[in-house]
Amino acid sequence: MVTRKASSTTIQQKHRRIVKEIEKKYGKVIDLERSPFVLVEIIREFRHRFDDDGGGGGGGVSPSSIAGSGPPDPPEPPEPPEPPEVEGVLTRMLLTMQKDIKELSRKLDKIAATKTR
């Protein structure tokens, strides 16, 4: 029983060291909304460190059962940015055209006024 407690303490210390490494590389706070694939990257980079713990109780799938499945799939590419709203773009274009037409109209009025004098 003493060896089990010592083994558990050693494992906890190992886990703390791994967490400190992750904090050092990725920071203490990970914004999964902003960069969701950071979690996948962390798991891929550090999962092998947890495999050497000497056994179960941690849940999940044992390394031997996933060994035959091959390497993990690459992460999904990020979603393309949303196109601008068509209505907003059209409204801005119409306003710009309206302004240009008013300016041309003023210039034409000015030219016409100078020719009629």
N, C-alpha and C. Protein backbone atom coordinates (compact mmCIF):
# COMPACT_ATOMS: atom_id res chain seq x y z
N MET A 1 0.82 -1.19 0.00
CA MET A 1 0.00 0.00 0.00
C MET A 1 0.87 1.26 0.00
N VAL A 2 2.00 1.22 0.65
CA VAL A 2 2.89 2.37 0.67
C VAL A 2 3.41 2.67 -0.72
N THR A 3 3.73 1.62 -1.47
CA THR A 3 4.24 1.84 -2.82
C THR A 3 3.17 2.45 -3.71
N ARG A 4 1.91 2.06 -3.51
CA ARG A 4 0.82 2.63 -4.30
C ARG A 4 0.69 4.12 -4.03
N LYS A 5 0.78 4.55 -2.76
CA LYS A 5 0.68 5.95 -2.41
C LYS A 5 1.86 6.72 -3.00
N ALA A 6 3.05 6.18 -2.87
CA ALA A 6 4.23 6.84 -3.43
C ALA A 6 4.10 6.93 -4.94
N SER A 7 3.60 5.88 -5.56
CA SER A 7 3.42 5.88 -7.00
C SER A 7 2.40 6.94 -7.42
N SER A 8 1.32 7.05 -6.66
CA SER A 8 0.28 8.05 -6.95
C SER A 8 0.84 9.46 -6.80
N THR A 9 1.63 9.69 -5.77
CA THR A 9 2.24 11.01 -5.56
C THR A 9 3.22 11.34 -6.68
N THR A 10 3.99 10.36 -7.09
CA THR A 10 4.93 10.57 -8.19
C THR A 10 4.19 10.93 -9.47
N ILE A 11 3.10 10.24 -9.72
CA ILE A 11 2.30 10.52 -10.91
C ILE A 11 1.73 11.93 -10.85
N GLN A 12 1.24 12.33 -9.67
CA GLN A 12 0.69 13.68 -9.52
C GLN A 12 1.77 14.73 -9.77
N GLN A 13 2.96 14.50 -9.27
CA GLN A 13 4.06 15.44 -9.50
C GLN A 13 4.39 15.52 -11.00
N LYS A 14 4.38 14.37 -11.65
CA LYS A 14 4.64 14.33 -13.09
C LYS A 14 3.57 15.12 -13.84
N HIS A 15 2.32 14.93 -13.44
CA HIS A 15 1.22 15.66 -14.09
C HIS A 15 1.37 17.16 -13.87
N ARG A 16 1.76 17.58 -12.68
CA ARG A 16 1.97 19.01 -12.41
C ARG A 16 3.06 19.59 -13.31
N ARG A 17 4.14 18.83 -13.51
CA ARG A 17 5.23 19.29 -14.39
C ARG A 17 4.72 19.44 -15.82
N ILE A 18 3.91 18.49 -16.26
CA ILE A 18 3.36 18.57 -17.62
C ILE A 18 2.46 19.79 -17.76
N VAL A 19 1.62 20.03 -16.75
CA VAL A 19 0.73 21.20 -16.78
C VAL A 19 1.55 22.48 -16.81
N LYS A 20 2.63 22.55 -16.04
CA LYS A 20 3.49 23.73 -16.06
C LYS A 20 4.09 23.95 -17.45
N GLU A 21 4.50 22.87 -18.12
CA GLU A 21 5.03 23.00 -19.48
C GLU A 21 3.96 23.54 -20.43
N ILE A 22 2.74 23.03 -20.30
CA ILE A 22 1.65 23.50 -21.14
C ILE A 22 1.38 24.98 -20.87
N GLU A 23 1.37 25.37 -19.59
CA GLU A 23 1.17 26.79 -19.24
C GLU A 23 2.27 27.65 -19.84
N LYS A 24 3.49 27.16 -19.77
CA LYS A 24 4.62 27.93 -20.30
C LYS A 24 4.49 28.13 -21.81
N LYS A 25 4.04 27.10 -22.52
CA LYS A 25 3.96 27.18 -23.97
C LYS A 25 2.71 27.90 -24.46
N TYR A 26 1.56 27.67 -23.80
CA TYR A 26 0.28 28.17 -24.29
C TYR A 26 -0.36 29.23 -23.40
N GLY A 27 0.22 29.48 -22.23
CA GLY A 27 -0.37 30.45 -21.32
C GLY A 27 -1.30 29.77 -20.33
N LYS A 28 -1.69 30.52 -19.30
CA LYS A 28 -2.55 29.95 -18.26
C LYS A 28 -4.00 29.87 -18.70
N VAL A 29 -4.40 30.70 -19.65
CA VAL A 29 -5.79 30.70 -20.12
C VAL A 29 -5.78 30.40 -21.62
N ILE A 30 -6.61 29.44 -22.00
CA ILE A 30 -6.72 29.06 -23.41
C ILE A 30 -8.12 29.42 -23.87
N ASP A 31 -8.20 30.28 -24.89
CA ASP A 31 -9.49 30.72 -25.42
C ASP A 31 -9.88 29.79 -26.56
N LEU A 32 -10.69 28.79 -26.25
CA LEU A 32 -11.07 27.80 -27.25
C LEU A 32 -11.99 28.37 -28.31
N GLU A 33 -12.68 29.45 -27.99
CA GLU A 33 -13.54 30.08 -28.99
C GLU A 33 -12.69 30.76 -30.06
N ARG A 34 -11.61 31.38 -29.62
CA ARG A 34 -10.72 32.11 -30.54
C ARG A 34 -9.82 31.17 -31.33
N SER A 35 -9.31 30.14 -30.66
CA SER A 35 -8.42 29.18 -31.33
C SER A 35 -8.73 27.78 -30.82
N PRO A 36 -9.74 27.14 -31.38
CA PRO A 36 -10.20 25.85 -30.87
C PRO A 36 -9.21 24.70 -31.08
N PHE A 37 -8.34 24.80 -32.05
CA PHE A 37 -7.44 23.69 -32.32
C PHE A 37 -6.21 23.67 -31.41
N VAL A 38 -6.10 24.65 -30.52
CA VAL A 38 -5.00 24.64 -29.55
C VAL A 38 -5.14 23.41 -28.65
N LEU A 39 -6.36 23.08 -28.28
CA LEU A 39 -6.60 21.92 -27.42
C LEU A 39 -6.15 20.64 -28.12
N VAL A 40 -6.45 20.52 -29.39
CA VAL A 40 -6.03 19.34 -30.16
C VAL A 40 -4.51 19.28 -30.21
N GLU A 41 -3.89 20.43 -30.43
CA GLU A 41 -2.43 20.49 -30.49
C GLU A 41 -1.81 20.06 -29.15
N ILE A 42 -2.38 20.53 -28.06
CA ILE A 42 -1.87 20.17 -26.72
C ILE A 42 -2.01 18.67 -26.51
N ILE A 43 -3.17 18.12 -26.84
CA ILE A 43 -3.38 16.68 -26.65
C ILE A 43 -2.39 15.89 -27.48
N ARG A 44 -2.19 16.27 -28.73
CA ARG A 44 -1.25 15.53 -29.58
C ARG A 44 0.18 15.62 -29.05
N GLU A 45 0.54 16.79 -28.57
CA GLU A 45 1.92 16.98 -28.13
C GLU A 45 2.21 16.32 -26.78
N PHE A 46 1.24 16.31 -25.87
CA PHE A 46 1.52 15.87 -24.51
C PHE A 46 0.89 14.53 -24.13
N ARG A 47 0.05 13.93 -24.97
CA ARG A 47 -0.65 12.71 -24.56
C ARG A 47 0.30 11.56 -24.27
N HIS A 48 1.39 11.47 -25.02
CA HIS A 48 2.32 10.37 -24.79
C HIS A 48 2.94 10.43 -23.40
N ARG A 49 3.02 11.61 -22.83
CA ARG A 49 3.58 11.75 -21.50
C ARG A 49 2.69 11.11 -20.44
N PHE A 50 1.39 11.06 -20.71
CA PHE A 50 0.46 10.48 -19.76
C PHE A 50 0.35 8.97 -19.92
N ASP A 51 0.79 8.43 -21.05
CA ASP A 51 0.70 7.00 -21.30
C ASP A 51 1.60 6.18 -20.38
N ASP A 52 2.64 6.77 -19.86
CA ASP A 52 3.61 6.04 -19.04
C ASP A 52 3.22 5.98 -17.57
N ASP A 53 2.01 6.33 -17.23
CA ASP A 53 1.61 6.40 -15.82
C ASP A 53 1.44 5.05 -15.16
N GLY A 54 1.43 4.01 -15.93
CA GLY A 54 1.36 2.70 -15.32
C GLY A 54 -0.05 2.21 -15.11
N GLY A 55 -0.98 2.71 -15.82
CA GLY A 55 -2.24 2.02 -15.75
C GLY A 55 -3.45 2.86 -15.59
N GLY A 56 -4.51 2.10 -15.43
CA GLY A 56 -5.86 2.58 -15.55
C GLY A 56 -6.32 3.51 -14.47
N GLY A 57 -7.62 3.63 -14.44
CA GLY A 57 -8.23 4.53 -13.49
C GLY A 57 -8.42 5.91 -14.08
N GLY A 58 -7.69 6.24 -15.13
CA GLY A 58 -7.80 7.56 -15.72
C GLY A 58 -8.90 7.67 -16.75
N GLY A 59 -9.47 6.55 -17.13
CA GLY A 59 -10.53 6.59 -18.13
C GLY A 59 -9.95 6.67 -19.52
N GLY A 60 -10.80 6.76 -20.49
CA GLY A 60 -10.35 6.88 -21.87
C GLY A 60 -9.98 5.53 -22.46
N VAL A 61 -9.28 5.55 -23.55
CA VAL A 61 -8.91 4.34 -24.28
C VAL A 61 -7.44 4.08 -24.04
N SER A 62 -7.10 2.83 -23.79
CA SER A 62 -5.69 2.52 -23.54
C SER A 62 -4.90 2.67 -24.83
N PRO A 63 -3.62 3.02 -24.71
CA PRO A 63 -2.79 3.23 -25.90
C PRO A 63 -2.74 2.00 -26.79
N SER A 64 -2.79 0.80 -26.22
CA SER A 64 -2.70 -0.41 -27.04
C SER A 64 -3.91 -0.57 -27.94
N SER A 65 -5.07 -0.06 -27.51
CA SER A 65 -6.27 -0.22 -28.33
C SER A 65 -6.32 0.78 -29.48
N ILE A 66 -5.55 1.86 -29.41
CA ILE A 66 -5.55 2.82 -30.50
C ILE A 66 -4.30 2.70 -31.36
N ALA A 67 -3.40 1.79 -30.98
CA ALA A 67 -2.15 1.67 -31.72
C ALA A 67 -2.38 1.24 -33.15
N GLY A 68 -3.37 0.41 -33.40
CA GLY A 68 -3.61 -0.08 -34.75
C GLY A 68 -4.44 0.86 -35.60
N SER A 69 -4.95 1.91 -35.03
CA SER A 69 -5.83 2.79 -35.79
C SER A 69 -5.08 3.83 -36.62
N GLY A 70 -3.80 3.92 -36.46
CA GLY A 70 -3.02 4.85 -37.26
C GLY A 70 -2.95 6.24 -36.64
N PRO A 71 -2.29 7.15 -37.32
CA PRO A 71 -2.15 8.51 -36.77
C PRO A 71 -3.50 9.23 -36.78
N PRO A 72 -3.64 10.20 -35.90
CA PRO A 72 -4.91 10.94 -35.86
C PRO A 72 -5.08 11.79 -37.11
N ASP A 73 -6.32 12.10 -37.41
CA ASP A 73 -6.61 12.95 -38.56
C ASP A 73 -6.07 14.35 -38.32
N PRO A 74 -5.67 15.04 -39.39
CA PRO A 74 -5.22 16.43 -39.22
C PRO A 74 -6.40 17.30 -38.81
N PRO A 75 -6.13 18.42 -38.16
CA PRO A 75 -7.23 19.29 -37.73
C PRO A 75 -7.96 19.88 -38.94
N GLU A 76 -9.22 20.17 -38.72
CA GLU A 76 -10.04 20.79 -39.77
C GLU A 76 -9.50 22.18 -40.07
N PRO A 77 -9.53 22.60 -41.33
CA PRO A 77 -9.10 23.97 -41.63
C PRO A 77 -10.10 24.96 -41.03
N PRO A 78 -9.66 26.15 -40.71
CA PRO A 78 -10.58 27.13 -40.13
C PRO A 78 -11.66 27.52 -41.14
N GLU A 79 -12.79 27.90 -40.61
CA GLU A 79 -13.90 28.33 -41.46
C GLU A 79 -13.52 29.62 -42.19
N PRO A 80 -13.94 29.75 -43.45
CA PRO A 80 -13.64 31.00 -44.15
C PRO A 80 -14.44 32.14 -43.52
N PRO A 81 -13.93 33.34 -43.61
CA PRO A 81 -14.66 34.47 -43.01
C PRO A 81 -16.00 34.67 -43.72
N GLU A 82 -16.95 35.17 -42.97
CA GLU A 82 -18.28 35.42 -43.52
C GLU A 82 -18.20 36.54 -44.56
N PRO A 83 -18.89 36.36 -45.68
CA PRO A 83 -18.90 37.46 -46.65
C PRO A 83 -19.69 38.63 -46.08
N PRO A 84 -19.35 39.84 -46.50
CA PRO A 84 -20.09 40.98 -45.98
C PRO A 84 -21.56 40.89 -46.38
N GLU A 85 -22.40 41.49 -45.59
CA GLU A 85 -23.83 41.47 -45.88
C GLU A 85 -24.07 42.15 -47.22
N VAL A 86 -24.82 41.50 -48.07
CA VAL A 86 -25.09 42.04 -49.40
C VAL A 86 -25.86 43.34 -49.28
N GLU A 87 -26.84 43.36 -48.38
CA GLU A 87 -27.64 44.58 -48.22
C GLU A 87 -26.77 45.75 -47.79
N GLY A 88 -25.86 45.51 -46.86
CA GLY A 88 -24.99 46.58 -46.39
C GLY A 88 -24.09 47.10 -47.49
N VAL A 89 -23.54 46.19 -48.28
CA VAL A 89 -22.67 46.60 -49.38
C VAL A 89 -23.46 47.39 -50.42
N LEU A 90 -24.63 46.88 -50.76
CA LEU A 90 -25.47 47.58 -51.74
C LEU A 90 -25.89 48.96 -51.24
N THR A 91 -26.24 49.05 -49.98
CA THR A 91 -26.64 50.34 -49.41
C THR A 91 -25.50 51.34 -49.49
N ARG A 92 -24.29 50.91 -49.13
CA ARG A 92 -23.14 51.82 -49.20
C ARG A 92 -22.87 52.24 -50.64
N MET A 93 -22.99 51.29 -51.57
CA MET A 93 -22.76 51.64 -52.98
C MET A 93 -23.81 52.64 -53.47
N LEU A 94 -25.07 52.41 -53.09
CA LEU A 94 -26.13 53.33 -53.51
C LEU A 94 -25.93 54.73 -52.93
N LEU A 95 -25.53 54.80 -51.68
CA LEU A 95 -25.29 56.10 -51.05
C LEU A 95 -24.13 56.83 -51.74
N THR A 96 -23.08 56.07 -52.07
CA THR A 96 -21.94 56.67 -52.78
C THR A 96 -22.37 57.17 -54.15
N MET A 97 -23.17 56.36 -54.86
CA MET A 97 -23.65 56.77 -56.19
C MET A 97 -24.56 58.00 -56.08
N GLN A 98 -25.39 58.02 -55.06
CA GLN A 98 -26.29 59.17 -54.86
C GLN A 98 -25.48 60.44 -54.64
N LYS A 99 -24.44 60.34 -53.83
CA LYS A 99 -23.57 61.48 -53.56
C LYS A 99 -22.89 61.95 -54.85
N ASP A 100 -22.38 60.98 -55.63
CA ASP A 100 -21.72 61.31 -56.89
C ASP A 100 -22.69 61.98 -57.87
N ILE A 101 -23.93 61.48 -57.93
CA ILE A 101 -24.93 62.06 -58.83
C ILE A 101 -25.25 63.50 -58.42
N LYS A 102 -25.39 63.75 -57.11
CA LYS A 102 -25.65 65.12 -56.64
C LYS A 102 -24.51 66.04 -57.02
N GLU A 103 -23.28 65.56 -56.84
CA GLU A 103 -22.12 66.37 -57.17
C GLU A 103 -22.07 66.67 -58.67
N LEU A 104 -22.33 65.65 -59.50
CA LEU A 104 -22.36 65.87 -60.96
C LEU A 104 -23.48 66.84 -61.34
N SER A 105 -24.62 66.70 -60.69
CA SER A 105 -25.74 67.59 -60.97
C SER A 105 -25.37 69.04 -60.64
N ARG A 106 -24.72 69.26 -59.50
CA ARG A 106 -24.28 70.61 -59.14
C ARG A 106 -23.30 71.16 -60.17
N LYS A 107 -22.37 70.33 -60.61
CA LYS A 107 -21.38 70.77 -61.60
C LYS A 107 -22.06 71.11 -62.93
N LEU A 108 -23.02 70.27 -63.33
CA LEU A 108 -23.75 70.56 -64.57
C LEU A 108 -24.56 71.87 -64.46
N ASP A 109 -25.19 72.05 -63.31
CA ASP A 109 -25.93 73.31 -63.08
C ASP A 109 -24.99 74.50 -63.18
N LYS A 110 -23.82 74.36 -62.62
CA LYS A 110 -22.83 75.45 -62.63
C LYS A 110 -22.38 75.75 -64.06
N ILE A 111 -22.12 74.68 -64.83
CA ILE A 111 -21.70 74.85 -66.23
C ILE A 111 -22.83 75.49 -67.03
N ALA A 112 -24.04 75.01 -66.83
CA ALA A 112 -25.20 75.57 -67.56
C ALA A 112 -25.41 77.03 -67.21
N ALA A 113 -25.20 77.39 -65.95
CA ALA A 113 -25.39 78.76 -65.51
C ALA A 113 -24.35 79.68 -66.15
N THR A 114 -23.12 79.22 -66.32
CA THR A 114 -22.08 80.05 -66.93
C THR A 114 -22.31 80.21 -68.44
N LYS A 115 -22.91 79.23 -69.08
CA LYS A 115 -23.15 79.30 -70.53
C LYS A 115 -24.36 80.17 -70.85
N THR A 116 -25.31 80.28 -69.95
CA THR A 116 -26.49 81.08 -70.23
C THR A 116 -26.24 82.55 -69.95
N ARG A 117 -25.18 82.92 -69.34
CA ARG A 117 -24.89 84.32 -69.03
C ARG A 117 -24.45 85.05 -70.21
